[in-house]
Amino acid sequence: MVKKDRYYRETVLSLAKTIFKKNEHWIMDSNVKTQYPLPDPKEDPETLKFFEEYKKLGGKDKFEKYADNLCTFFKITFGPYVDGDLSKAVKGECWESVDEAWMCFVGFMQSVEEAKRYFQSVDNIHAYT
């Protein structure tokens, strides 16, 4: 059973990394913004609440890295999760599903567990879906 679980996790992570690589060009481009007017997490007081929850969940990142990753989390997942809008931040491109957007964030984080921690740090404070 352990081998099967490990194989499954490795397969999921491999798929997630592939999805991220296909989208990396716009995700890592600081000039590409979401269509939603989101505050800069480093300046938003809610981020501190999210960060405190992240630490409670066992997160190891420092605030600066957490805030940067949170920006990426919102850039990838905000439309699909909050509005049901599958449009990507790049005009004319869409996610195939909410799951594809999630897998992209998992690929960015390179860890299912850490991606879940980021999601839960937001969702536990304000329902994200």
Protein backbone atom coordinates (compact mmCIF):
# COMPACT_ATOMS: atom_id res chain seq x y z
CA MET A 1 0.00 0.00 0.00
CA VAL A 2 2.86 2.40 0.81
CA LYS A 3 4.40 1.89 -2.65
CA LYS A 4 1.02 2.53 -4.29
CA ASP A 5 0.51 5.75 -2.29
CA ARG A 6 4.01 6.96 -3.11
CA TYR A 7 3.53 6.16 -6.79
CA TYR A 8 0.21 8.04 -6.80
CA ARG A 9 1.74 11.10 -5.11
CA GLU A 10 4.68 11.10 -7.52
CA THR A 11 2.34 10.78 -10.52
CA VAL A 12 0.13 13.62 -9.32
CA LEU A 13 3.15 15.81 -8.65
CA SER A 14 4.62 15.03 -12.06
CA LEU A 15 1.35 16.01 -13.77
CA ALA A 16 1.14 19.17 -11.64
CA LYS A 17 4.68 20.21 -12.59
CA THR A 18 3.83 19.70 -16.28
CA ILE A 19 0.75 21.91 -15.98
CA PHE A 20 2.78 24.59 -14.22
CA LYS A 21 5.53 24.48 -16.87
CA LYS A 22 2.91 25.09 -19.59
CA ASN A 23 1.77 28.21 -17.73
CA GLU A 24 5.01 29.41 -16.18
CA HIS A 25 5.55 32.11 -18.82
CA TRP A 26 2.62 34.19 -17.58
CA ILE A 27 2.57 33.13 -13.93
CA MET A 28 6.14 34.25 -13.31
CA ASP A 29 5.75 37.44 -15.39
CA SER A 30 5.23 40.26 -12.87
CA ASN A 31 3.65 42.39 -15.61
CA VAL A 32 0.74 39.95 -15.97
CA LYS A 33 -1.93 40.76 -13.40
CA THR A 34 -5.22 39.05 -12.67
CA GLN A 35 -8.40 40.63 -13.91
CA TYR A 36 -9.43 40.99 -10.26
CA PRO A 37 -8.36 43.99 -8.20
CA LEU A 38 -6.50 42.09 -5.48
CA PRO A 39 -4.46 43.94 -2.85
CA ASP A 40 -0.75 43.31 -2.59
CA PRO A 41 -0.50 40.58 0.08
CA LYS A 42 2.56 42.26 1.58
CA GLU A 43 0.45 45.34 2.31
CA ASP A 44 -2.90 43.71 3.12
CA PRO A 45 -3.62 43.20 6.85
CA GLU A 46 -5.51 39.99 6.03
CA THR A 47 -2.26 38.40 4.90
CA LEU A 48 -0.97 38.43 8.46
CA LYS A 49 -4.06 36.46 9.54
CA PHE A 50 -3.50 34.00 6.71
CA PHE A 51 0.19 33.73 7.62
CA GLU A 52 -0.59 33.03 11.28
CA GLU A 53 -2.98 30.26 10.18
CA TYR A 54 -0.32 28.90 7.82
CA LYS A 55 2.11 28.65 10.74
CA LYS A 56 -0.54 26.89 12.86
CA LEU A 57 -0.92 24.38 10.03
CA GLY A 58 2.81 23.61 10.21
CA GLY A 59 4.05 25.95 7.48
CA LYS A 60 7.78 26.68 7.49
CA ASP A 61 8.04 29.62 5.05
CA LYS A 62 8.95 33.08 6.36
CA PHE A 63 6.44 35.90 5.86
CA GLU A 64 8.13 37.38 2.77
CA LYS A 65 8.16 34.04 0.92
CA TYR A 66 4.64 33.25 2.10
CA ALA A 67 3.36 36.59 0.76
CA ASP A 68 5.09 36.03 -2.60
CA ASN A 69 3.66 32.53 -2.89
CA LEU A 70 0.25 33.80 -1.83
CA CYS A 71 0.34 36.28 -4.74
CA THR A 72 0.96 33.35 -7.06
CA PHE A 73 -1.78 31.32 -5.38
CA PHE A 74 -4.28 34.11 -6.02
CA LYS A 75 -3.01 34.71 -9.56
CA ILE A 76 -3.62 31.07 -10.47
CA THR A 77 -6.71 30.15 -8.43
CA PHE A 78 -8.75 33.26 -7.60
CA GLY A 79 -10.92 33.32 -10.73
CA PRO A 80 -11.69 29.60 -10.85
CA TYR A 81 -12.24 29.18 -7.11
CA VAL A 82 -13.96 32.40 -6.12
CA ASP A 83 -15.90 33.39 -9.26
CA GLY A 84 -16.03 30.14 -11.20
CA ASP A 85 -14.25 32.02 -14.01
CA LEU A 86 -11.85 29.73 -15.84
CA SER A 87 -10.14 32.60 -17.67
CA LYS A 88 -6.40 32.77 -17.03
CA ALA A 89 -4.62 36.06 -16.41
CA VAL A 90 -3.48 35.84 -20.05
CA LYS A 91 -6.20 37.03 -22.39
CA GLY A 92 -7.76 34.37 -24.52
CA GLU A 93 -6.55 31.43 -22.43
CA CYS A 94 -8.72 29.38 -20.08
CA TRP A 95 -8.27 26.60 -17.59
CA GLU A 96 -9.96 23.36 -18.58
CA SER A 97 -11.30 23.07 -15.02
CA VAL A 98 -10.86 24.28 -11.47
CA ASP A 99 -8.81 21.13 -10.91
CA GLU A 100 -6.34 22.14 -13.62
CA ALA A 101 -5.81 25.51 -11.91
CA TRP A 102 -5.28 23.73 -8.58
CA MET A 103 -2.81 21.31 -10.13
CA CYS A 104 -0.92 24.25 -11.60
CA PHE A 105 -0.50 25.73 -8.13
CA VAL A 106 0.60 22.32 -6.80
CA GLY A 107 3.20 22.26 -9.57
CA PHE A 108 4.37 25.73 -8.64
CA MET A 109 4.74 24.71 -4.99
CA GLN A 110 6.20 21.31 -5.97
CA SER A 111 4.32 19.75 -3.07
CA VAL A 112 0.71 18.68 -2.66
CA GLU A 113 0.95 19.06 1.11
CA GLU A 114 2.40 22.58 0.98
CA ALA A 115 -0.14 23.68 -1.64
CA LYS A 116 -2.92 22.40 0.63
CA ARG A 117 -1.41 24.33 3.52
CA TYR A 118 -1.55 27.56 1.52
CA PHE A 119 -5.14 26.88 0.48
CA GLN A 120 -6.20 26.05 4.03
CA SER A 121 -4.43 29.11 5.45
CA VAL A 122 -6.80 31.26 3.39
CA ASP A 123 -9.89 29.05 3.47
CA ASN A 124 -9.80 28.66 7.26
CA ILE A 125 -9.96 32.46 7.66
CA HIS A 126 -12.29 33.32 4.77
CA ALA A 127 -14.13 30.65 2.75
CA TYR A 128 -12.24 30.54 -0.56
CA THR A 129 -14.69 28.50 -2.61
